[in-house]
Amino acid sequence: MRRYCFGLDLKDNEELIKEYELYHKAVWPEIIESIRDSGITAMDIYRLHTRLFMIMETDDSFDFEKKAAADSSNERVREWEQLMWKYQQGLPWAKPGEKWMLMEKVFSLDEV
């Protein structure tokens, strides 16, 4: 198992944030299927004001490039990602169009 952590910001708009959270209470089945099919075994998203933090655990079959290729060829995933841009914005240092940014681990209690 591997664990990855990502960051992303939401637009600073209370109504949009409420809508975003409602979508995540009923994620489209095709999105859940695409997540699971890629080898992601667990995914949690946390929010602090506009900052999102996602923890993703994967099995050994997971590969970022394969996931990106599968997503780009899946019309429903593309539709979901386009919809989410209504609510999301890249982190201040993100490249144009870049969403979830992989975070660097700086501490682990298990490693001391």
PDB file of N, CA and C in Angstrom:
ATOM      1  N   MET A   1       0.824  -1.180   0.000  1.00  0.00           N
ATOM      2  CA  MET A   1       0.000   0.000   0.000  1.00  0.00           C
ATOM      3  C   MET A   1       0.874   1.251   0.000  1.00  0.00           C
ATOM      4  N   ARG A   2       0.446   2.227  -0.773  1.00  0.00           N
ATOM      5  CA  ARG A   2       1.120   3.530  -0.811  1.00  0.00           C
ATOM      6  C   ARG A   2       0.109   4.594  -0.407  1.00  0.00           C
ATOM      7  N   ARG A   3       0.580   5.646   0.220  1.00  0.00           N
ATOM      8  CA  ARG A   3      -0.277   6.756   0.602  1.00  0.00           C
ATOM      9  C   ARG A   3       0.260   8.032  -0.054  1.00  0.00           C
ATOM     10  N   TYR A   4      -0.648   8.785  -0.636  1.00  0.00           N
ATOM     11  CA  TYR A   4      -0.324  10.060  -1.267  1.00  0.00           C
ATOM     12  C   TYR A   4      -1.219  11.129  -0.668  1.00  0.00           C
ATOM     13  N   CYS A   5      -0.693  12.319  -0.525  1.00  0.00           N
ATOM     14  CA  CYS A   5      -1.457  13.443  -0.008  1.00  0.00           C
ATOM     15  C   CYS A   5      -1.371  14.596  -0.996  1.00  0.00           C
ATOM     16  N   PHE A   6      -2.500  15.262  -1.191  1.00  0.00           N
ATOM     17  CA  PHE A   6      -2.603  16.327  -2.180  1.00  0.00           C
ATOM     18  C   PHE A   6      -3.276  17.547  -1.567  1.00  0.00           C
ATOM     19  N   GLY A   7      -2.992  18.707  -2.151  1.00  0.00           N
ATOM     20  CA  GLY A   7      -3.646  19.940  -1.746  1.00  0.00           C
ATOM     21  C   GLY A   7      -4.285  20.626  -2.934  1.00  0.00           C
ATOM     22  N   LEU A   8      -5.342  21.379  -2.654  1.00  0.00           N
ATOM     23  CA  LEU A   8      -6.069  22.150  -3.662  1.00  0.00           C
ATOM     24  C   LEU A   8      -6.889  23.197  -2.927  1.00  0.00           C
ATOM     25  N   ASP A   9      -7.228  24.282  -3.586  1.00  0.00           N
ATOM     26  CA  ASP A   9      -8.079  25.310  -2.989  1.00  0.00           C
ATOM     27  C   ASP A   9      -9.443  25.345  -3.647  1.00  0.00           C
ATOM     28  N   LEU A  10     -10.426  25.743  -2.854  1.00  0.00           N
ATOM     29  CA  LEU A  10     -11.748  26.052  -3.376  1.00  0.00           C
ATOM     30  C   LEU A  10     -11.855  27.563  -3.552  1.00  0.00           C
ATOM     31  N   LYS A  11     -12.761  27.975  -4.406  1.00  0.00           N
ATOM     32  CA  LYS A  11     -13.030  29.395  -4.538  1.00  0.00           C
ATOM     33  C   LYS A  11     -13.646  29.877  -3.229  1.00  0.00           C
ATOM     34  N   ASP A  12     -13.288  31.072  -2.825  1.00  0.00           N
ATOM     35  CA  ASP A  12     -13.737  31.618  -1.542  1.00  0.00           C
ATOM     36  C   ASP A  12     -15.150  32.175  -1.681  1.00  0.00           C
ATOM     37  N   ASN A  13     -16.118  31.255  -1.757  1.00  0.00           N
ATOM     38  CA  ASN A  13     -17.515  31.605  -1.932  1.00  0.00           C
ATOM     39  C   ASN A  13     -18.335  30.564  -1.177  1.00  0.00           C
ATOM     40  N   GLU A  14     -19.024  30.993  -0.136  1.00  0.00           N
ATOM     41  CA  GLU A  14     -19.723  30.067   0.753  1.00  0.00           C
ATOM     42  C   GLU A  14     -20.751  29.202   0.018  1.00  0.00           C
ATOM     43  N   GLU A  15     -21.483  29.776  -0.909  1.00  0.00           N
ATOM     44  CA  GLU A  15     -22.489  29.008  -1.650  1.00  0.00           C
ATOM     45  C   GLU A  15     -21.828  27.955  -2.546  1.00  0.00           C
ATOM     46  N   LEU A  16     -20.738  28.334  -3.215  1.00  0.00           N
ATOM     47  CA  LEU A  16     -20.038  27.361  -4.050  1.00  0.00           C
ATOM     48  C   LEU A  16     -19.453  26.229  -3.215  1.00  0.00           C
ATOM     49  N   ILE A  17     -18.937  26.564  -2.042  1.00  0.00           N
ATOM     50  CA  ILE A  17     -18.378  25.536  -1.157  1.00  0.00           C
ATOM     51  C   ILE A  17     -19.479  24.563  -0.724  1.00  0.00           C
ATOM     52  N   LYS A  18     -20.653  25.081  -0.405  1.00  0.00           N
ATOM     53  CA  LYS A  18     -21.778  24.206  -0.036  1.00  0.00           C
ATOM     54  C   LYS A  18     -22.140  23.282  -1.190  1.00  0.00           C
ATOM     55  N   GLU A  19     -22.191  23.822  -2.414  1.00  0.00           N
ATOM     56  CA  GLU A  19     -22.496  22.995  -3.589  1.00  0.00           C
ATOM     57  C   GLU A  19     -21.439  21.910  -3.775  1.00  0.00           C
ATOM     58  N   TYR A  20     -20.173  22.294  -3.646  1.00  0.00           N
ATOM     59  CA  TYR A  20     -19.065  21.351  -3.801  1.00  0.00           C
ATOM     60  C   TYR A  20     -19.234  20.185  -2.817  1.00  0.00           C
ATOM     61  N   GLU A  21     -19.530  20.512  -1.577  1.00  0.00           N
ATOM     62  CA  GLU A  21     -19.681  19.464  -0.573  1.00  0.00           C
ATOM     63  C   GLU A  21     -20.900  18.591  -0.849  1.00  0.00           C
ATOM     64  N   LEU A  22     -21.975  19.170  -1.377  1.00  0.00           N
ATOM     65  CA  LEU A  22     -23.144  18.373  -1.747  1.00  0.00           C
ATOM     66  C   LEU A  22     -22.804  17.374  -2.851  1.00  0.00           C
ATOM     67  N   TYR A  23     -22.038  17.817  -3.853  1.00  0.00           N
ATOM     68  CA  TYR A  23     -21.616  16.882  -4.898  1.00  0.00           C
ATOM     69  C   TYR A  23     -20.818  15.722  -4.303  1.00  0.00           C
ATOM     70  N   HIS A  24     -20.030  15.997  -3.270  1.00  0.00           N
ATOM     71  CA  HIS A  24     -19.198  14.951  -2.689  1.00  0.00           C
ATOM     72  C   HIS A  24     -19.948  14.061  -1.702  1.00  0.00           C
ATOM     73  N   LYS A  25     -21.184  14.387  -1.415  1.00  0.00           N
ATOM     74  CA  LYS A  25     -22.035  13.485  -0.637  1.00  0.00           C
ATOM     75  C   LYS A  25     -22.735  12.488  -1.562  1.00  0.00           C
ATOM     76  N   ALA A  26     -22.691  12.760  -2.862  1.00  0.00           N
ATOM     77  CA  ALA A  26     -23.330  11.883  -3.854  1.00  0.00           C
ATOM     78  C   ALA A  26     -22.495  11.874  -5.130  1.00  0.00           C
ATOM     79  N   VAL A  27     -21.261  11.427  -4.995  1.00  0.00           N
ATOM     80  CA  VAL A  27     -20.355  11.370  -6.151  1.00  0.00           C
ATOM     81  C   VAL A  27     -20.942  10.414  -7.180  1.00  0.00           C
ATOM     82  N   TRP A  28     -20.864  10.812  -8.443  1.00  0.00           N
ATOM     83  CA  TRP A  28     -21.420   9.990  -9.516  1.00  0.00           C
ATOM     84  C   TRP A  28     -20.811   8.583  -9.474  1.00  0.00           C
ATOM     85  N   PRO A  29     -21.631   7.560  -9.697  1.00  0.00           N
ATOM     86  CA  PRO A  29     -21.124   6.173  -9.644  1.00  0.00           C
ATOM     87  C   PRO A  29     -19.956   5.919 -10.597  1.00  0.00           C
ATOM     88  N   GLU A  30     -19.975   6.545 -11.773  1.00  0.00           N
ATOM     89  CA  GLU A  30     -18.886   6.345 -12.740  1.00  0.00           C
ATOM     90  C   GLU A  30     -17.557   6.881 -12.211  1.00  0.00           C
ATOM     91  N   ILE A  31     -17.615   7.906 -11.367  1.00  0.00           N
ATOM     92  CA  ILE A  31     -16.399   8.476 -10.791  1.00  0.00           C
ATOM     93  C   ILE A  31     -15.849   7.521  -9.746  1.00  0.00           C
ATOM     94  N   ILE A  32     -16.732   7.011  -8.894  1.00  0.00           N
ATOM     95  CA  ILE A  32     -16.306   6.032  -7.883  1.00  0.00           C
ATOM     96  C   ILE A  32     -15.693   4.811  -8.569  1.00  0.00           C
ATOM     97  N   GLU A  33     -16.334   4.352  -9.624  1.00  0.00           N
ATOM     98  CA  GLU A  33     -15.829   3.189 -10.369  1.00  0.00           C
ATOM     99  C   GLU A  33     -14.439   3.469 -10.947  1.00  0.00           C
ATOM    100  N   SER A  34     -14.247   4.642 -11.524  1.00  0.00           N
ATOM    101  CA  SER A  34     -12.943   4.969 -12.114  1.00  0.00           C
ATOM    102  C   SER A  34     -11.852   5.063 -11.048  1.00  0.00           C
ATOM    103  N   ILE A  35     -12.217   5.543  -9.877  1.00  0.00           N
ATOM    104  CA  ILE A  35     -11.256   5.627  -8.763  1.00  0.00           C
ATOM    105  C   ILE A  35     -10.846   4.224  -8.338  1.00  0.00           C
ATOM    106  N   ARG A  36     -11.821   3.399  -8.079  1.00  0.00           N
ATOM    107  CA  ARG A  36     -11.532   2.036  -7.608  1.00  0.00           C
ATOM    108  C   ARG A  36     -10.806   1.205  -8.664  1.00  0.00           C
ATOM    109  N   ASP A  37     -11.220   1.341  -9.934  1.00  0.00           N
ATOM    110  CA  ASP A  37     -10.591   0.569 -11.012  1.00  0.00           C
ATOM    111  C   ASP A  37      -9.119   0.905 -11.199  1.00  0.00           C
ATOM    112  N   SER A  38      -8.714   2.092 -10.765  1.00  0.00           N
ATOM    113  CA  SER A  38      -7.324   2.513 -10.964  1.00  0.00           C
ATOM    114  C   SER A  38      -6.369   1.966  -9.905  1.00  0.00           C
ATOM    115  N   GLY A  39      -6.925   1.320  -8.877  1.00  0.00           N
ATOM    116  CA  GLY A  39      -6.064   0.802  -7.809  1.00  0.00           C
ATOM    117  C   GLY A  39      -6.076   1.671  -6.563  1.00  0.00           C
ATOM    118  N   ILE A  40      -6.931   2.688  -6.526  1.00  0.00           N
ATOM    119  CA  ILE A  40      -7.087   3.511  -5.320  1.00  0.00           C
ATOM    120  C   ILE A  40      -8.009   2.738  -4.385  1.00  0.00           C
ATOM    121  N   THR A  41      -7.520   2.469  -3.179  1.00  0.00           N
ATOM    122  CA  THR A  41      -8.277   1.658  -2.228  1.00  0.00           C
ATOM    123  C   THR A  41      -8.959   2.497  -1.148  1.00  0.00           C
ATOM    124  N   ALA A  42      -8.488   3.715  -0.943  1.00  0.00           N
ATOM    125  CA  ALA A  42      -9.097   4.609   0.047  1.00  0.00           C
ATOM    126  C   ALA A  42      -8.819   6.047  -0.374  1.00  0.00           C
ATOM    127  N   MET A  43      -9.797   6.913  -0.133  1.00  0.00           N
ATOM    128  CA  MET A  43      -9.623   8.325  -0.459  1.00  0.00           C
ATOM    129  C   MET A  43     -10.476   9.138   0.507  1.00  0.00           C
ATOM    130  N   ASP A  44      -9.855  10.114   1.131  1.00  0.00           N
ATOM    131  CA  ASP A  44     -10.548  11.032   2.029  1.00  0.00           C
ATOM    132  C   ASP A  44     -10.163  12.454   1.647  1.00  0.00           C
ATOM    133  N   ILE A  45     -11.140  13.360   1.694  1.00  0.00           N
ATOM    134  CA  ILE A  45     -10.887  14.771   1.439  1.00  0.00           C
ATOM    135  C   ILE A  45     -11.328  15.548   2.667  1.00  0.00           C
ATOM    136  N   TYR A  46     -10.451  16.412   3.155  1.00  0.00           N
ATOM    137  CA  TYR A  46     -10.723  17.271   4.302  1.00  0.00           C
ATOM    138  C   TYR A  46     -10.688  18.718   3.836  1.00  0.00           C
ATOM    139  N   ARG A  47     -11.431  19.584   4.539  1.00  0.00           N
ATOM    140  CA  ARG A  47     -11.455  21.004   4.181  1.00  0.00           C
ATOM    141  C   ARG A  47     -11.207  21.859   5.408  1.00  0.00           C
ATOM    142  N   LEU A  48     -10.402  22.887   5.241  1.00  0.00           N
ATOM    143  CA  LEU A  48     -10.217  23.944   6.229  1.00  0.00           C
ATOM    144  C   LEU A  48     -10.405  25.251   5.478  1.00  0.00           C
ATOM    145  N   HIS A  49     -11.544  25.898   5.700  1.00  0.00           N
ATOM    146  CA  HIS A  49     -11.958  27.096   4.969  1.00  0.00           C
ATOM    147  C   HIS A  49     -11.951  26.773   3.468  1.00  0.00           C
ATOM    148  N   THR A  50     -11.019  27.302   2.700  1.00  0.00           N
ATOM    149  CA  THR A  50     -10.995  27.014   1.259  1.00  0.00           C
ATOM    150  C   THR A  50      -9.934  25.981   0.877  1.00  0.00           C
ATOM    151  N   ARG A  51      -9.114  25.571   1.796  1.00  0.00           N
ATOM    152  CA  ARG A  51      -8.035  24.617   1.492  1.00  0.00           C
ATOM    153  C   ARG A  51      -8.553  23.191   1.623  1.00  0.00           C
ATOM    154  N   LEU A  52      -8.308  22.398   0.589  1.00  0.00           N
ATOM    155  CA  LEU A  52      -8.648  20.981   0.598  1.00  0.00           C
ATOM    156  C   LEU A  52      -7.377  20.157   0.754  1.00  0.00           C
ATOM    157  N   PHE A  53      -7.511  19.046   1.437  1.00  0.00           N
ATOM    158  CA  PHE A  53      -6.420  18.110   1.647  1.00  0.00           C
ATOM    159  C   PHE A  53      -6.971  16.719   1.361  1.00  0.00           C
ATOM    160  N   MET A  54      -6.365  16.011   0.422  1.00  0.00           N
ATOM    161  CA  MET A  54      -6.831  14.677   0.055  1.00  0.00           C
ATOM    162  C   MET A  54      -5.771  13.641   0.416  1.00  0.00           C
ATOM    163  N   ILE A  55      -6.214  12.581   1.078  1.00  0.00           N
ATOM    164  CA  ILE A  55      -5.355  11.436   1.392  1.00  0.00           C
ATOM    165  C   ILE A  55      -5.836  10.276   0.534  1.00  0.00           C
ATOM    166  N   MET A  56      -4.922   9.694  -0.200  1.00  0.00           N
ATOM    167  CA  MET A  56      -5.259   8.630  -1.130  1.00  0.00           C
ATOM    168  C   MET A  56      -4.344   7.434  -0.859  1.00  0.00           C
ATOM    169  N   GLU A  57      -4.935   6.271  -0.683  1.00  0.00           N
ATOM    170  CA  GLU A  57      -4.165   5.044  -0.509  1.00  0.00           C
ATOM    171  C   GLU A  57      -4.406   4.158  -1.719  1.00  0.00           C
ATOM    172  N   THR A  58      -3.347   3.500  -2.160  1.00  0.00           N
ATOM    173  CA  THR A  58      -3.421   2.709  -3.383  1.00  0.00           C
ATOM    174  C   THR A  58      -2.831   1.319  -3.168  1.00  0.00           C
ATOM    175  N   ASP A  59      -3.226   0.409  -4.047  1.00  0.00           N
ATOM    176  CA  ASP A  59      -2.563  -0.887  -4.064  1.00  0.00           C
ATOM    177  C   ASP A  59      -1.375  -0.800  -5.028  1.00  0.00           C
ATOM    178  N   ASP A  60      -0.692  -1.916  -5.203  1.00  0.00           N
ATOM    179  CA  ASP A  60       0.518  -1.913  -6.026  1.00  0.00           C
ATOM    180  C   ASP A  60       0.258  -1.712  -7.513  1.00  0.00           C
ATOM    181  N   SER A  61      -0.985  -1.855  -7.951  1.00  0.00           N
ATOM    182  CA  SER A  61      -1.300  -1.687  -9.373  1.00  0.00           C
ATOM    183  C   SER A  61      -1.455  -0.220  -9.783  1.00  0.00           C
ATOM    184  N   PHE A  62      -1.563   0.676  -8.811  1.00  0.00           N
ATOM    185  CA  PHE A  62      -1.824   2.080  -9.134  1.00  0.00           C
ATOM    186  C   PHE A  62      -0.627   2.720  -9.830  1.00  0.00           C
ATOM    187  N   ASP A  63      -0.931   3.519 -10.853  1.00  0.00           N
ATOM    188  CA  ASP A  63       0.089   4.251 -11.603  1.00  0.00           C
ATOM    189  C   ASP A  63      -0.522   5.585 -12.034  1.00  0.00           C
ATOM    190  N   PHE A  64       0.142   6.694 -11.711  1.00  0.00           N
ATOM    191  CA  PHE A  64      -0.388   8.023 -12.034  1.00  0.00           C
ATOM    192  C   PHE A  64      -0.631   8.206 -13.536  1.00  0.00           C
ATOM    193  N   GLU A  65       0.298   7.742 -14.359  1.00  0.00           N
ATOM    194  CA  GLU A  65       0.155   7.914 -15.810  1.00  0.00           C
ATOM    195  C   GLU A  65      -1.017   7.102 -16.349  1.00  0.00           C
ATOM    196  N   LYS A  66      -1.185   5.876 -15.856  1.00  0.00           N
ATOM    197  CA  LYS A  66      -2.319   5.049 -16.294  1.00  0.00           C
ATOM    198  C   LYS A  66      -3.643   5.678 -15.856  1.00  0.00           C
ATOM    199  N   LYS A  67      -3.668   6.226 -14.638  1.00  0.00           N
ATOM    200  CA  LYS A  67      -4.886   6.871 -14.145  1.00  0.00           C
ATOM    201  C   LYS A  67      -5.217   8.087 -15.007  1.00  0.00           C
ATOM    202  N   ALA A  68      -4.221   8.895 -15.331  1.00  0.00           N
ATOM    203  CA  ALA A  68      -4.440  10.077 -16.168  1.00  0.00           C
ATOM    204  C   ALA A  68      -4.949   9.687 -17.554  1.00  0.00           C
ATOM    205  N   ALA A  69      -4.374   8.645 -18.126  1.00  0.00           N
ATOM    206  CA  ALA A  69      -4.808   8.184 -19.449  1.00  0.00           C
ATOM    207  C   ALA A  69      -6.244   7.663 -19.401  1.00  0.00           C
ATOM    208  N   ALA A  70      -6.557   6.891 -18.374  1.00  0.00           N
ATOM    209  CA  ALA A  70      -7.918   6.367 -18.235  1.00  0.00           C
ATOM    210  C   ALA A  70      -8.914   7.509 -18.042  1.00  0.00           C
ATOM    211  N   ASP A  71      -8.549   8.494 -17.245  1.00  0.00           N
ATOM    212  CA  ASP A  71      -9.440   9.635 -17.008  1.00  0.00           C
ATOM    213  C   ASP A  71      -9.669  10.439 -18.282  1.00  0.00           C
ATOM    214  N   SER A  72      -8.613  10.635 -19.051  1.00  0.00           N
ATOM    215  CA  SER A  72      -8.749  11.447 -20.267  1.00  0.00           C
ATOM    216  C   SER A  72      -9.595  10.755 -21.327  1.00  0.00           C
ATOM    217  N   SER A  73      -9.702   9.430 -21.252  1.00  0.00           N
ATOM    218  CA  SER A  73     -10.520   8.715 -22.230  1.00  0.00           C
ATOM    219  C   SER A  73     -11.926   8.403 -21.697  1.00  0.00           C
ATOM    220  N   ASN A  74     -12.228   8.841 -20.489  1.00  0.00           N
ATOM    221  CA  ASN A  74     -13.524   8.578 -19.867  1.00  0.00           C
ATOM    222  C   ASN A  74     -14.354   9.867 -19.888  1.00  0.00           C
ATOM    223  N   GLU A  75     -15.374   9.889 -20.731  1.00  0.00           N
ATOM    224  CA  GLU A  75     -16.187  11.100 -20.902  1.00  0.00           C
ATOM    225  C   GLU A  75     -16.816  11.565 -19.594  1.00  0.00           C
ATOM    226  N   ARG A  76     -17.278  10.635 -18.788  1.00  0.00           N
ATOM    227  CA  ARG A  76     -17.941  11.006 -17.529  1.00  0.00           C
ATOM    228  C   ARG A  76     -16.944  11.614 -16.542  1.00  0.00           C
ATOM    229  N   VAL A  77     -15.729  11.094 -16.488  1.00  0.00           N
ATOM    230  CA  VAL A  77     -14.694  11.665 -15.621  1.00  0.00           C
ATOM    231  C   VAL A  77     -14.342  13.070 -16.107  1.00  0.00           C
ATOM    232  N   ARG A  78     -14.205  13.238 -17.414  1.00  0.00           N
ATOM    233  CA  ARG A  78     -13.914  14.578 -17.954  1.00  0.00           C
ATOM    234  C   ARG A  78     -15.035  15.561 -17.597  1.00  0.00           C
ATOM    235  N   GLU A  79     -16.273  15.106 -17.678  1.00  0.00           N
ATOM    236  CA  GLU A  79     -17.423  15.946 -17.330  1.00  0.00           C
ATOM    237  C   GLU A  79     -17.373  16.338 -15.847  1.00  0.00           C
ATOM    238  N   TRP A  80     -17.060  15.373 -14.983  1.00  0.00           N
ATOM    239  CA  TRP A  80     -16.960  15.639 -13.540  1.00  0.00           C
ATOM    240  C   TRP A  80     -15.848  16.647 -13.261  1.00  0.00           C
ATOM    241  N   GLU A  81     -14.693  16.429 -13.860  1.00  0.00           N
ATOM    242  CA  GLU A  81     -13.558  17.325 -13.619  1.00  0.00           C
ATOM    243  C   GLU A  81     -13.861  18.747 -14.095  1.00  0.00           C
ATOM    244  N   GLN A  82     -14.525  18.871 -15.230  1.00  0.00           N
ATOM    245  CA  GLN A  82     -14.911  20.195 -15.726  1.00  0.00           C
ATOM    246  C   GLN A  82     -15.882  20.870 -14.751  1.00  0.00           C
ATOM    247  N   LEU A  83     -16.849  20.105 -14.255  1.00  0.00           N
ATOM    248  CA  LEU A  83     -17.806  20.635 -13.286  1.00  0.00           C
ATOM    249  C   LEU A  83     -17.096  21.084 -12.014  1.00  0.00           C
ATOM    250  N   MET A  84     -16.130  20.308 -11.538  1.00  0.00           N
ATOM    251  CA  MET A  84     -15.442  20.648 -10.294  1.00  0.00           C
ATOM    252  C   MET A  84     -14.650  21.951 -10.410  1.00  0.00           C
ATOM    253  N   TRP A  85     -14.219  22.321 -11.625  1.00  0.00           N
ATOM    254  CA  TRP A  85     -13.503  23.592 -11.809  1.00  0.00           C
ATOM    255  C   TRP A  85     -14.386  24.783 -11.461  1.00  0.00           C
ATOM    256  N   LYS A  86     -15.702  24.586 -11.456  1.00  0.00           N
ATOM    257  CA  LYS A  86     -16.601  25.672 -11.034  1.00  0.00           C
ATOM    258  C   LYS A  86     -16.310  26.047  -9.581  1.00  0.00           C
ATOM    259  N   TYR A  87     -15.861  25.088  -8.794  1.00  0.00           N
ATOM    260  CA  TYR A  87     -15.658  25.257  -7.361  1.00  0.00           C
ATOM    261  C   TYR A  87     -14.186  25.370  -6.965  1.00  0.00           C
ATOM    262  N   GLN A  88     -13.327  24.775  -7.750  1.00  0.00           N
ATOM    263  CA  GLN A  88     -11.913  24.660  -7.391  1.00  0.00           C
ATOM    264  C   GLN A  88     -11.079  25.747  -8.055  1.00  0.00           C
ATOM    265  N   GLN A  89      -9.943  26.003  -7.445  1.00  0.00           N
ATOM    266  CA  GLN A  89      -8.925  26.833  -8.076  1.00  0.00           C
ATOM    267  C   GLN A  89      -7.570  26.283  -7.659  1.00  0.00           C
ATOM    268  N   GLY A  90      -6.623  26.403  -8.546  1.00  0.00           N
ATOM    269  CA  GLY A  90      -5.296  25.882  -8.246  1.00  0.00           C
ATOM    270  C   GLY A  90      -4.666  26.611  -7.075  1.00  0.00           C
ATOM    271  N   LEU A  91      -3.734  25.945  -6.435  1.00  0.00           N
ATOM    272  CA  LEU A  91      -2.960  26.599  -5.383  1.00  0.00           C
ATOM    273  C   LEU A  91      -2.185  27.769  -5.987  1.00  0.00           C
ATOM    274  N   PRO A  92      -1.811  28.753  -5.180  1.00  0.00           N
ATOM    275  CA  PRO A  92      -1.166  29.961  -5.729  1.00  0.00           C
ATOM    276  C   PRO A  92       0.065  29.685  -6.599  1.00  0.00           C
ATOM    277  N   TRP A  93       0.779  28.621  -6.353  1.00  0.00           N
ATOM    278  CA  TRP A  93       2.004  28.321  -7.095  1.00  0.00           C
ATOM    279  C   TRP A  93       1.785  27.259  -8.179  1.00  0.00           C
ATOM    280  N   ALA A  94       0.526  26.861  -8.402  1.00  0.00           N
ATOM    281  CA  ALA A  94       0.210  25.839  -9.410  1.00  0.00           C
ATOM    282  C   ALA A  94       0.359  26.404 -10.819  1.00  0.00           C
ATOM    283  N   LYS A  95       0.684  25.525 -11.744  1.00  0.00           N
ATOM    284  CA  LYS A  95       0.718  25.888 -13.159  1.00  0.00           C
ATOM    285  C   LYS A  95      -0.719  26.044 -13.649  1.00  0.00           C
ATOM    286  N   PRO A  96      -0.948  26.790 -14.707  1.00  0.00           N
ATOM    287  CA  PRO A  96      -2.313  26.943 -15.227  1.00  0.00           C
ATOM    288  C   PRO A  96      -2.949  25.574 -15.509  1.00  0.00           C
ATOM    289  N   GLY A  97      -4.167  25.388 -15.006  1.00  0.00           N
ATOM    290  CA  GLY A  97      -4.889  24.137 -15.214  1.00  0.00           C
ATOM    291  C   GLY A  97      -4.527  23.022 -14.251  1.00  0.00           C
ATOM    292  N   GLU A  98      -3.535  23.235 -13.412  1.00  0.00           N
ATOM    293  CA  GLU A  98      -3.106  22.194 -12.464  1.00  0.00           C
ATOM    294  C   GLU A  98      -4.029  22.191 -11.257  1.00  0.00           C
ATOM    295  N   LYS A  99      -4.532  21.011 -10.938  1.00  0.00           N
ATOM    296  CA  LYS A  99      -5.462  20.879  -9.810  1.00  0.00           C
ATOM    297  C   LYS A  99      -4.739  20.344  -8.582  1.00  0.00           C
ATOM    298  N   TRP A 100      -5.113  19.154  -8.192  1.00  0.00           N
ATOM    299  CA  TRP A 100      -4.552  18.550  -6.991  1.00  0.00           C
ATOM    300  C   TRP A 100      -3.031  18.444  -7.109  1.00  0.00           C
ATOM    301  N   MET A 101      -2.324  19.023  -6.151  1.00  0.00           N
ATOM    302  CA  MET A 101      -0.865  18.988  -6.166  1.00  0.00           C
ATOM    303  C   MET A 101      -0.369  18.022  -5.092  1.00  0.00           C
ATOM    304  N   LEU A 102       0.545  17.146  -5.506  1.00  0.00           N
ATOM    305  CA  LEU A 102       1.119  16.158  -4.594  1.00  0.00           C
ATOM    306  C   LEU A 102       1.947  16.874  -3.527  1.00  0.00           C
ATOM    307  N   MET A 103       1.705  16.511  -2.279  1.00  0.00           N
ATOM    308  CA  MET A 103       2.413  17.120  -1.155  1.00  0.00           C
ATOM    309  C   MET A 103       3.602  16.241  -0.766  1.00  0.00           C
ATOM    310  N   GLU A 104       4.589  16.877  -0.205  1.00  0.00           N
ATOM    311  CA  GLU A 104       5.789  16.176   0.265  1.00  0.00           C
ATOM    312  C   GLU A 104       5.640  15.857   1.748  1.00  0.00           C
ATOM    313  N   LYS A 105       5.897  14.609   2.102  1.00  0.00           N
ATOM    314  CA  LYS A 105       5.837  14.222   3.512  1.00  0.00           C
ATOM    315  C   LYS A 105       7.053  14.803   4.237  1.00  0.00           C
ATOM    316  N   VAL A 106       6.802  15.468   5.363  1.00  0.00           N
ATOM    317  CA  VAL A 106       7.896  16.052   6.125  1.00  0.00           C
ATOM    318  C   VAL A 106       8.067  15.403   7.499  1.00  0.00           C
ATOM    319  N   PHE A 107       7.095  14.570   7.917  1.00  0.00           N
ATOM    320  CA  PHE A 107       7.215  13.895   9.196  1.00  0.00           C
ATOM    321  C   PHE A 107       6.319  12.666   9.208  1.00  0.00           C
ATOM    322  N   SER A 108       6.784  11.620   9.856  1.00  0.00           N
ATOM    323  CA  SER A 108       5.984  10.426  10.083  1.00  0.00           C
ATOM    324  C   SER A 108       6.382   9.855  11.444  1.00  0.00           C
ATOM    325  N   LEU A 109       5.415   9.715  12.317  1.00  0.00           N
ATOM    326  CA  LEU A 109       5.666   9.139  13.633  1.00  0.00           C
ATOM    327  C   LEU A 109       6.213   7.715  13.498  1.00  0.00           C
ATOM    328  N   ASP A 110       5.761   7.012  12.455  1.00  0.00           N
ATOM    329  CA  ASP A 110       6.223   5.640  12.240  1.00  0.00           C
ATOM    330  C   ASP A 110       7.697   5.552  11.865  1.00  0.00           C
ATOM    331  N   GLU A 111       8.285   6.685  11.453  1.00  0.00           N
ATOM    332  CA  GLU A 111       9.664   6.664  10.975  1.00  0.00           C
ATOM    333  C   GLU A 111      10.660   7.242  11.984  1.00  0.00           C
ATOM    334  N   VAL A 112      10.218   7.510  13.207  1.00  0.00           N
ATOM    335  CA  VAL A 112      11.161   8.018  14.217  1.00  0.00           C
ATOM    336  C   VAL A 112      11.408   6.994  15.283  1.00  0.00           C
TER     337      VAL A 112
END
